[in-house]
Amino acid sequence: MSLPPPNGPKKINLRRPDVMEAVQAQVLSHYRSELIDRIRAKGHVLSADGLLTVKLAKEFGFCYGVERAIDLAYAARKVFLDQPIYILGEIIHNPEVNDQIRAMGIKFLSGKEKNADIEDLKKDDVVIVPAFGAETSTMNTLEAKGCRFVDTTCGDVMSVWKRVRQYANDSVTSIIHGKSWHEETKATSSRAMANGSGHYLVVFTLAETDYVCNHIVNGGDKHEFLEKFKGAYSNGFDPDVHLKAVGVANQTTMLRGETEEVQRRLKAAIEKKYGASEADKHFRFFDTICGATQDRQNALETLLMEPLDLLLVIGGYNSSNTSHLAEMGEARLPTYFIKNATKLVSEHLIVHYDQHRHEEVETKNWLPPGKLTVGVTAGASCPNNLIEDVIRRLFELRGVAVQELLAN
């Protein structure tokens, strides 16, 4: 592993009033929506009587962390106007936003459309760290090269890092509820080993959690365990040794209720194994769900209590917080997960993402005739202009011009 230079990373501070004021107009021109502002002012409802009513969740779209990351990327381009700028990966999980970053000449260092390799970077090159953060090995490599960083890592993510570092220092294994392949979870996992001796295990489902719980209580086949969780644990992890003291953390965009259930089941297993009086020596938990993620989940839960015929969830298909909003909707009513308005092909055809098949699918006759009430929400990485496009398209399919509704 490459060691960081003795003086640490060269972080660039772009959050200066002169810089940020200069980029605000550009950011707003790309992502703001006057229509969404006006719908908010009208109680989050827009209706064409007898045809269509759209109800917008009270909380949706860009969160503060996403806005900050985008602002900093735009500011980097403004300050380093004629200098190459690189970004470690998608700044957030929204294809339109990432396309905009590419259009600004910022070069991607990973992904299907990467334009450069980390090996090619040199001293003083400017590298943007996405909102999800980055693995310690990657950061150490870039620091050793002498790169300069525009760090857009979300504060909620860094709070999780602090927690898993503490677990490692106390010889407590981090059990991370999340997706082992997700950038944020990879970054968090690397911090769980920050002191050189820490360990982690990533669980994604409650079924995986139950498997871990059974091993805590009853032991089991170590080889089978390691095969089952291949790619989701630290080097040298031994379930017979490293599950004796565990601390729960999570990817910040998971469903709170599911994370709480992971925590409850693990705590019950520890109590069964060691007794309730000894549980504190073997189990720790800290709530690391992002506030914005929870706000959007709560707002959708409230919206789902109202009479709705169907729900549209807008956002990038690889966005974790958006996918959980779609899961919530799917459990209650017809729900369509779309990335933009072009997926509303006609009132007879919609193209949407199937999370079980991991691909786009077509559904015919998705928009029934007659009076309809449609719920709309969007993930924390979805800009308001894309939400506007979807709402305009909905009314267009009913033959209604949105501007006429707003004039009333």
Protein backbone atom coordinates (compact mmCIF):
# COMPACT_ATOMS: atom_id res chain seq x y z
CA MET A 1 0.00 0.00 0.00
CA SER A 2 1.32 3.46 -0.88
CA LEU A 3 1.95 5.68 2.13
CA PRO A 4 0.63 9.24 2.14
CA PRO A 5 3.15 12.06 2.06
CA PRO A 6 4.23 13.32 5.51
CA ASN A 7 2.28 16.56 5.16
CA GLY A 8 -0.98 14.79 4.34
CA PRO A 9 -3.36 15.40 1.42
CA LYS A 10 -3.43 18.72 -0.40
CA LYS A 11 -7.09 19.71 -0.03
CA ILE A 12 -8.34 22.71 -1.97
CA ASN A 13 -10.84 25.04 -0.31
CA LEU A 14 -13.24 26.34 -2.95
CA ARG A 15 -16.04 27.35 -0.59
CA ARG A 16 -15.07 30.99 -0.74
CA PRO A 17 -17.84 33.58 -1.29
CA ASP A 18 -16.31 34.94 -4.49
CA VAL A 19 -16.03 31.48 -6.04
CA MET A 20 -19.39 30.07 -4.92
CA GLU A 21 -21.35 33.16 -5.96
CA ALA A 22 -19.83 32.91 -9.42
CA VAL A 23 -21.03 29.33 -9.94
CA GLN A 24 -24.52 29.61 -8.40
CA ALA A 25 -26.16 31.04 -11.52
CA GLN A 26 -24.72 28.26 -13.66
CA VAL A 27 -25.82 25.52 -11.26
CA LEU A 28 -29.33 26.96 -10.99
CA SER A 29 -29.64 27.27 -14.76
CA HIS A 30 -28.88 23.56 -15.13
CA TYR A 31 -30.97 22.09 -12.34
CA ARG A 32 -33.53 24.50 -10.88
CA SER A 33 -37.21 24.34 -11.78
CA GLU A 34 -39.62 27.25 -11.45
CA LEU A 35 -42.49 24.81 -12.00
CA ILE A 36 -41.46 22.71 -8.98
CA ASP A 37 -41.14 25.86 -6.87
CA ARG A 38 -44.68 26.85 -7.82
CA ILE A 39 -46.10 23.38 -7.14
CA ARG A 40 -44.52 23.51 -3.70
CA ALA A 41 -46.19 26.85 -3.12
CA LYS A 42 -49.55 25.31 -4.14
CA GLY A 43 -49.35 22.67 -1.41
CA HIS A 44 -47.39 20.11 -3.46
CA VAL A 45 -50.45 19.40 -5.61
CA LEU A 46 -51.18 20.23 -9.25
CA SER A 47 -54.55 19.24 -10.64
CA ALA A 48 -56.56 19.29 -13.84
CA ASP A 49 -60.03 18.55 -12.51
CA GLY A 50 -61.57 15.43 -13.94
CA LEU A 51 -58.37 14.36 -15.69
CA LEU A 52 -55.24 14.21 -13.58
CA THR A 53 -53.97 15.19 -10.13
CA VAL A 54 -50.27 15.03 -9.32
CA LYS A 55 -49.25 14.89 -5.67
CA LEU A 56 -45.61 15.61 -4.96
CA ALA A 57 -44.00 14.22 -1.80
CA LYS A 58 -43.18 16.91 0.77
CA GLU A 59 -39.46 16.00 0.64
CA PHE A 60 -37.78 14.92 -2.59
CA GLY A 61 -34.84 15.56 -4.87
CA PHE A 62 -31.47 17.14 -4.14
CA CYS A 63 -30.26 17.04 -0.55
CA TYR A 64 -27.69 19.42 0.92
CA GLY A 65 -24.83 16.95 0.46
CA VAL A 66 -25.61 16.51 -3.23
CA GLU A 67 -25.96 20.25 -3.78
CA ARG A 68 -22.63 20.82 -2.05
CA ALA A 69 -20.88 18.18 -4.19
CA ILE A 70 -22.20 19.66 -7.43
CA ASP A 71 -21.35 23.21 -6.33
CA LEU A 72 -17.77 22.16 -5.59
CA ALA A 73 -17.36 20.40 -8.93
CA TYR A 74 -18.58 23.48 -10.78
CA ALA A 75 -16.35 25.68 -8.61
CA ALA A 76 -13.33 23.52 -9.44
CA ARG A 77 -13.96 24.01 -13.13
CA LYS A 78 -14.34 27.76 -12.59
CA VAL A 79 -11.11 28.13 -10.62
CA PHE A 80 -8.98 25.73 -12.67
CA LEU A 81 -10.33 26.96 -15.98
CA ASP A 82 -7.50 25.83 -18.24
CA GLN A 83 -6.21 22.91 -16.19
CA PRO A 84 -7.18 19.23 -16.47
CA ILE A 85 -9.53 18.15 -13.69
CA TYR A 86 -10.22 14.53 -12.81
CA ILE A 87 -12.97 12.85 -10.79
CA LEU A 88 -12.66 9.43 -9.18
CA GLY A 89 -16.12 8.29 -10.31
CA GLU A 90 -19.71 9.43 -10.62
CA ILE A 91 -20.12 12.50 -8.42
CA ILE A 92 -23.65 11.32 -7.54
CA HIS A 93 -25.84 8.58 -8.96
CA ASN A 94 -27.69 10.52 -11.62
CA PRO A 95 -26.79 10.08 -15.31
CA GLU A 96 -27.84 13.58 -16.39
CA VAL A 97 -25.74 15.24 -13.70
CA ASN A 98 -22.72 13.11 -14.55
CA ASP A 99 -23.16 13.90 -18.25
CA GLN A 100 -23.10 17.59 -17.31
CA ILE A 101 -19.84 17.06 -15.39
CA ARG A 102 -18.35 15.36 -18.47
CA ALA A 103 -19.54 18.22 -20.68
CA MET A 104 -17.50 20.58 -18.49
CA GLY A 105 -14.35 18.70 -19.49
CA ILE A 106 -13.86 16.90 -16.18
CA LYS A 107 -12.26 13.51 -16.82
CA PHE A 108 -13.57 10.35 -15.16
CA LEU A 109 -11.07 7.90 -13.64
CA SER A 110 -13.48 4.94 -13.46
CA GLY A 111 -16.67 3.60 -14.98
CA LYS A 112 -17.68 2.56 -18.46
CA GLU A 113 -16.92 5.99 -19.89
CA LYS A 114 -13.67 6.74 -18.09
CA ASN A 115 -11.25 9.02 -19.93
CA ALA A 116 -8.09 8.62 -17.83
CA ASP A 117 -6.27 6.29 -15.45
CA ILE A 118 -5.01 7.00 -11.96
CA GLU A 119 -1.58 5.76 -13.07
CA ASP A 120 -1.37 8.71 -15.50
CA LEU A 121 -1.85 11.39 -12.83
CA LYS A 122 1.05 13.50 -11.63
CA LYS A 123 1.96 15.99 -8.90
CA ASP A 124 -0.50 18.87 -8.41
CA ASP A 125 -3.18 17.35 -10.66
CA VAL A 126 -6.65 18.27 -9.37
CA VAL A 127 -8.85 15.32 -8.39
CA ILE A 128 -12.49 15.55 -7.27
CA VAL A 129 -13.55 13.04 -4.62
CA PRO A 130 -17.27 12.19 -5.16
CA ALA A 131 -19.99 12.56 -2.54
CA PHE A 132 -19.67 8.84 -1.64
CA GLY A 133 -16.02 9.29 -0.65
CA ALA A 134 -13.22 6.97 -1.77
CA GLU A 135 -11.32 3.97 -0.44
CA THR A 136 -8.25 4.67 1.66
CA SER A 137 -5.98 2.77 -0.75
CA THR A 138 -7.07 5.04 -3.61
CA MET A 139 -6.58 8.17 -1.54
CA ASN A 140 -3.14 7.01 -0.38
CA THR A 141 -2.06 6.37 -3.96
CA LEU A 142 -3.14 9.82 -5.08
CA GLU A 143 -1.61 11.50 -2.04
CA ALA A 144 1.69 9.78 -2.73
CA LYS A 145 1.57 11.21 -6.25
CA GLY A 146 1.12 14.69 -4.80
CA CYS A 147 -2.35 15.26 -6.27
CA ARG A 148 -4.57 18.04 -4.97
CA PHE A 149 -8.11 17.23 -3.85
CA VAL A 150 -11.51 18.83 -4.11
CA ASP A 151 -13.24 16.67 -1.50
CA THR A 152 -17.04 16.57 -1.87
CA THR A 153 -17.55 13.62 0.52
CA CYS A 154 -20.88 13.95 2.33
CA GLY A 155 -20.67 14.78 6.02
CA ASP A 156 -23.08 11.95 6.91
CA VAL A 157 -20.75 9.47 5.22
CA MET A 158 -17.77 10.80 7.17
CA SER A 159 -19.75 10.33 10.40
CA VAL A 160 -20.00 6.63 9.60
CA TRP A 161 -16.26 6.50 8.94
CA LYS A 162 -15.62 7.96 12.39
CA ARG A 163 -17.79 5.28 13.94
CA VAL A 164 -16.17 2.29 12.20
CA ARG A 165 -12.71 3.64 12.99
CA GLN A 166 -13.70 3.66 16.65
CA TYR A 167 -14.93 0.08 16.36
CA ALA A 168 -11.56 -0.92 14.87
CA ASN A 169 -9.63 0.83 17.63
CA ASP A 170 -11.68 -1.10 20.20
CA SER A 171 -11.18 -4.45 18.42
CA VAL A 172 -14.86 -4.55 17.44
CA THR A 173 -15.76 -5.91 13.99
CA SER A 174 -17.90 -3.57 11.90
CA ILE A 175 -20.99 -5.24 10.48
CA ILE A 176 -22.09 -2.86 7.75
CA HIS A 177 -25.66 -3.02 6.47
CA GLY A 178 -25.31 -2.05 2.83
CA LYS A 179 -24.33 -3.08 -0.67
CA SER A 180 -20.77 -4.37 -0.76
CA TRP A 181 -20.38 -3.22 -4.37
CA HIS A 182 -21.52 0.36 -3.69
CA GLU A 183 -18.86 3.12 -3.68
CA GLU A 184 -19.93 4.41 -0.29
CA THR A 185 -19.81 1.00 1.37
CA LYS A 186 -16.39 0.28 -0.16
CA ALA A 187 -15.11 3.59 1.23
CA THR A 188 -16.60 2.86 4.66
CA SER A 189 -15.25 -0.70 4.70
CA SER A 190 -11.74 0.58 4.09
CA ARG A 191 -12.04 2.86 7.14
CA ALA A 192 -13.01 -0.14 9.25
CA MET A 193 -9.46 -1.39 8.72
CA ALA A 194 -7.84 2.01 9.22
CA ASN A 195 -5.71 0.99 12.21
CA GLY A 196 -4.32 -2.04 10.38
CA SER A 197 -6.08 -4.61 12.54
CA GLY A 198 -9.79 -3.86 12.19
CA HIS A 199 -12.27 -6.11 10.39
CA TYR A 200 -15.63 -5.74 8.65
CA LEU A 201 -18.45 -7.80 7.20
CA VAL A 202 -21.13 -6.40 4.87
CA VAL A 203 -24.68 -7.79 5.06
CA PHE A 204 -27.25 -6.75 2.46
CA THR A 205 -30.42 -8.68 3.36
CA LEU A 206 -32.17 -9.88 6.48
CA ALA A 207 -31.58 -13.45 5.27
CA GLU A 208 -27.83 -12.77 5.28
CA THR A 209 -28.19 -11.23 8.73
CA ASP A 210 -29.94 -14.36 10.01
CA TYR A 211 -27.11 -16.49 8.62
CA VAL A 212 -24.59 -14.38 10.56
CA CYS A 213 -26.73 -14.55 13.69
CA ASN A 214 -26.87 -18.34 13.49
CA HIS A 215 -23.10 -18.50 13.23
CA ILE A 216 -22.72 -16.21 16.26
CA VAL A 217 -24.98 -18.47 18.35
CA ASN A 218 -24.20 -21.93 17.01
CA GLY A 219 -20.98 -21.68 15.03
CA GLY A 220 -20.83 -23.40 11.67
CA ASP A 221 -18.83 -24.19 8.57
CA LYS A 222 -16.20 -21.45 8.24
CA HIS A 223 -15.46 -22.27 4.60
CA GLU A 224 -19.16 -22.09 3.70
CA PHE A 225 -19.47 -18.75 5.52
CA LEU A 226 -16.52 -17.23 3.68
CA GLU A 227 -17.81 -18.46 0.32
CA LYS A 228 -21.26 -17.04 1.00
CA PHE A 229 -19.90 -13.56 1.79
CA LYS A 230 -17.04 -13.59 -0.70
CA GLY A 231 -16.06 -10.01 -1.54
CA ALA A 232 -17.93 -8.63 1.47
CA TYR A 233 -15.41 -9.00 4.29
CA SER A 234 -11.94 -7.81 5.26
CA ASN A 235 -8.71 -9.65 4.52
CA GLY A 236 -8.07 -12.20 7.24
CA PHE A 237 -11.65 -12.14 8.49
CA ASP A 238 -12.48 -15.27 10.49
CA PRO A 239 -16.15 -15.67 11.52
CA ASP A 240 -15.13 -17.89 14.44
CA VAL A 241 -12.93 -15.13 15.83
CA HIS A 242 -14.20 -11.78 14.58
CA LEU A 243 -17.90 -12.17 15.38
CA LYS A 244 -17.30 -12.25 19.14
CA ALA A 245 -17.55 -8.46 19.36
CA VAL A 246 -19.50 -6.60 16.66
CA GLY A 247 -20.68 -3.07 15.99
CA VAL A 248 -23.38 -2.21 13.47
CA ALA A 249 -23.03 0.63 10.97
CA ASN A 250 -24.64 1.11 7.59
CA GLN A 251 -24.59 2.62 4.16
CA THR A 252 -26.33 5.93 4.81
CA THR A 253 -28.98 5.41 2.13
CA MET A 254 -30.51 2.14 3.32
CA LEU A 255 -34.05 1.80 4.66
CA ARG A 256 -34.05 2.78 8.33
CA GLY A 257 -36.54 0.08 9.30
CA GLU A 258 -34.43 -2.63 7.70
CA THR A 259 -31.23 -1.41 9.35
CA GLU A 260 -33.01 -1.33 12.70
CA GLU A 261 -34.10 -4.93 12.14
CA VAL A 262 -30.52 -5.94 11.29
CA GLN A 263 -29.43 -4.34 14.56
CA ARG A 264 -32.24 -6.00 16.54
CA ARG A 265 -31.47 -9.49 15.22
CA LEU A 266 -27.73 -9.18 15.80
CA LYS A 267 -28.26 -7.90 19.33
CA ALA A 268 -30.63 -10.80 20.07
CA ALA A 269 -28.03 -13.27 18.80
CA ILE A 270 -25.32 -11.71 20.97
CA GLU A 271 -27.60 -11.82 24.03
CA LYS A 272 -28.43 -15.46 23.34
CA LYS A 273 -24.75 -16.32 23.03
CA TYR A 274 -23.33 -14.30 25.93
CA GLY A 275 -26.35 -13.35 28.04
CA ALA A 276 -28.11 -9.98 28.28
CA SER A 277 -25.88 -8.82 31.13
CA GLU A 278 -22.76 -9.26 28.99
CA ALA A 279 -24.20 -7.93 25.72
CA ASP A 280 -22.63 -4.48 26.02
CA LYS A 281 -19.17 -6.07 25.92
CA HIS A 282 -19.95 -7.76 22.60
CA PHE A 283 -22.36 -5.46 20.77
CA ARG A 284 -22.54 -1.80 19.71
CA PHE A 285 -24.86 0.18 17.50
CA PHE A 286 -24.96 3.68 16.12
CA ASP A 287 -27.68 5.23 13.94
CA THR A 288 -25.93 6.21 10.71
CA ILE A 289 -28.90 6.68 8.37
CA CYS A 290 -28.59 9.95 6.45
CA GLY A 291 -31.12 12.56 7.60
CA ALA A 292 -32.07 13.50 4.03
CA THR A 293 -32.61 9.84 3.13
CA GLN A 294 -34.89 9.42 6.12
CA ASP A 295 -36.77 12.65 5.37
CA ARG A 296 -37.56 11.39 1.86
CA GLN A 297 -38.64 7.99 3.15
CA ASN A 298 -40.88 9.60 5.77
CA ALA A 299 -42.40 11.96 3.21
CA LEU A 300 -43.15 9.07 0.86
CA GLU A 301 -44.71 7.08 3.70
CA THR A 302 -47.03 10.04 4.34
CA LEU A 303 -47.84 10.38 0.64
CA LEU A 304 -48.67 6.67 0.39
CA MET A 305 -51.36 7.12 3.03
CA GLU A 306 -53.30 9.27 0.57
CA PRO A 307 -55.50 7.81 -2.20
CA LEU A 308 -53.18 7.26 -5.19
CA ASP A 309 -53.63 5.26 -8.37
CA LEU A 310 -49.93 4.89 -9.08
CA LEU A 311 -46.50 6.23 -8.09
CA LEU A 312 -43.60 7.54 -10.16
CA VAL A 313 -40.13 7.44 -8.59
CA ILE A 314 -37.53 9.48 -10.46
CA GLY A 315 -33.77 9.02 -10.24
CA GLY A 316 -30.69 7.14 -11.35
CA TYR A 317 -31.11 3.39 -11.47
CA ASN A 318 -27.90 2.89 -9.46
CA SER A 319 -29.02 5.32 -6.75
CA SER A 320 -29.44 3.41 -3.50
CA ASN A 321 -31.72 5.91 -1.76
CA THR A 322 -33.94 6.14 -4.87
CA SER A 323 -34.20 2.36 -5.19
CA HIS A 324 -35.47 2.15 -1.62
CA LEU A 325 -38.18 4.72 -2.38
CA ALA A 326 -39.25 2.50 -5.29
CA GLU A 327 -39.30 -0.53 -2.97
CA MET A 328 -41.59 1.32 -0.58
CA GLY A 329 -43.99 2.18 -3.39
CA GLU A 330 -43.95 -1.29 -4.92
CA ALA A 331 -45.16 -2.75 -1.63
CA ARG A 332 -48.32 -0.63 -1.79
CA LEU A 333 -49.41 0.21 -5.34
CA PRO A 334 -48.32 0.20 -9.01
CA THR A 335 -44.90 1.92 -8.99
CA TYR A 336 -42.65 2.90 -11.88
CA PHE A 337 -38.97 3.72 -11.34
CA ILE A 338 -37.82 5.99 -14.18
CA LYS A 339 -34.72 8.09 -14.77
CA ASN A 340 -36.33 10.84 -16.86
CA ALA A 341 -39.42 11.94 -18.79
CA THR A 342 -38.43 10.16 -22.00
CA LYS A 343 -39.44 6.89 -20.32
CA LEU A 344 -43.09 7.99 -20.44
CA VAL A 345 -43.33 6.97 -24.07
CA SER A 346 -47.12 7.29 -24.31
CA GLU A 347 -50.19 6.68 -22.17
CA HIS A 348 -50.02 3.11 -23.49
CA LEU A 349 -46.31 2.46 -22.84
CA ILE A 350 -43.79 3.23 -20.08
CA VAL A 351 -40.18 2.06 -19.87
CA HIS A 352 -39.05 1.63 -16.27
CA TYR A 353 -36.42 -0.10 -14.17
CA ASP A 354 -37.14 -3.51 -12.67
CA GLN A 355 -34.95 -3.86 -9.58
CA HIS A 356 -35.44 -7.62 -9.44
CA ARG A 357 -34.29 -8.18 -13.02
CA HIS A 358 -31.77 -5.31 -12.94
CA GLU A 359 -32.89 -4.01 -16.29
CA GLU A 360 -35.39 -1.70 -17.96
CA VAL A 361 -38.73 -3.27 -18.85
CA GLU A 362 -41.79 -2.11 -20.74
CA THR A 363 -45.30 -1.96 -19.28
CA LYS A 364 -48.27 -1.39 -21.54
CA ASN A 365 -51.45 0.50 -20.68
CA TRP A 366 -49.80 1.85 -17.52
CA LEU A 367 -51.84 5.07 -17.51
CA PRO A 368 -55.51 4.04 -17.26
CA PRO A 369 -58.24 6.24 -18.73
CA GLY A 370 -60.43 8.36 -16.49
CA LYS A 371 -59.64 10.48 -13.48
CA LEU A 372 -56.26 9.64 -11.95
CA THR A 373 -54.18 10.67 -8.96
CA VAL A 374 -50.46 10.10 -9.42
CA GLY A 375 -47.87 10.36 -6.65
CA VAL A 376 -44.41 11.63 -7.55
CA THR A 377 -41.16 11.49 -5.61
CA ALA A 378 -37.45 11.53 -6.43
CA GLY A 379 -34.21 10.43 -4.86
CA ALA A 380 -31.69 12.76 -3.23
CA SER A 381 -29.56 12.80 -6.38
CA CYS A 382 -32.33 13.83 -8.77
CA PRO A 383 -32.44 17.50 -9.87
CA ASN A 384 -35.69 19.45 -9.95
CA ASN A 385 -35.53 20.08 -13.69
CA LEU A 386 -35.90 16.33 -14.34
CA ILE A 387 -38.87 16.16 -11.96
CA GLU A 388 -40.45 19.06 -13.84
CA ASP A 389 -39.98 17.27 -17.15
CA VAL A 390 -41.81 14.21 -15.81
CA ILE A 391 -44.74 16.23 -14.46
CA ARG A 392 -45.07 18.18 -17.70
CA ARG A 393 -45.02 14.93 -19.67
CA LEU A 394 -47.72 13.42 -17.43
CA PHE A 395 -50.10 16.28 -18.11
CA GLU A 396 -49.15 16.29 -21.79
CA LEU A 397 -50.26 12.66 -22.04
CA ARG A 398 -53.64 13.83 -20.74
CA GLY A 399 -53.73 16.67 -23.27
CA VAL A 400 -53.26 19.39 -20.64
CA ALA A 401 -50.78 22.30 -20.77
CA VAL A 402 -49.20 22.84 -17.36
CA GLN A 403 -48.96 26.60 -17.85
CA GLU A 404 -52.74 26.83 -18.05
CA LEU A 405 -53.06 25.12 -14.67
CA LEU A 406 -50.57 27.45 -13.04
CA ALA A 407 -52.45 30.48 -14.34
CA ASN A 408 -55.54 29.49 -12.36
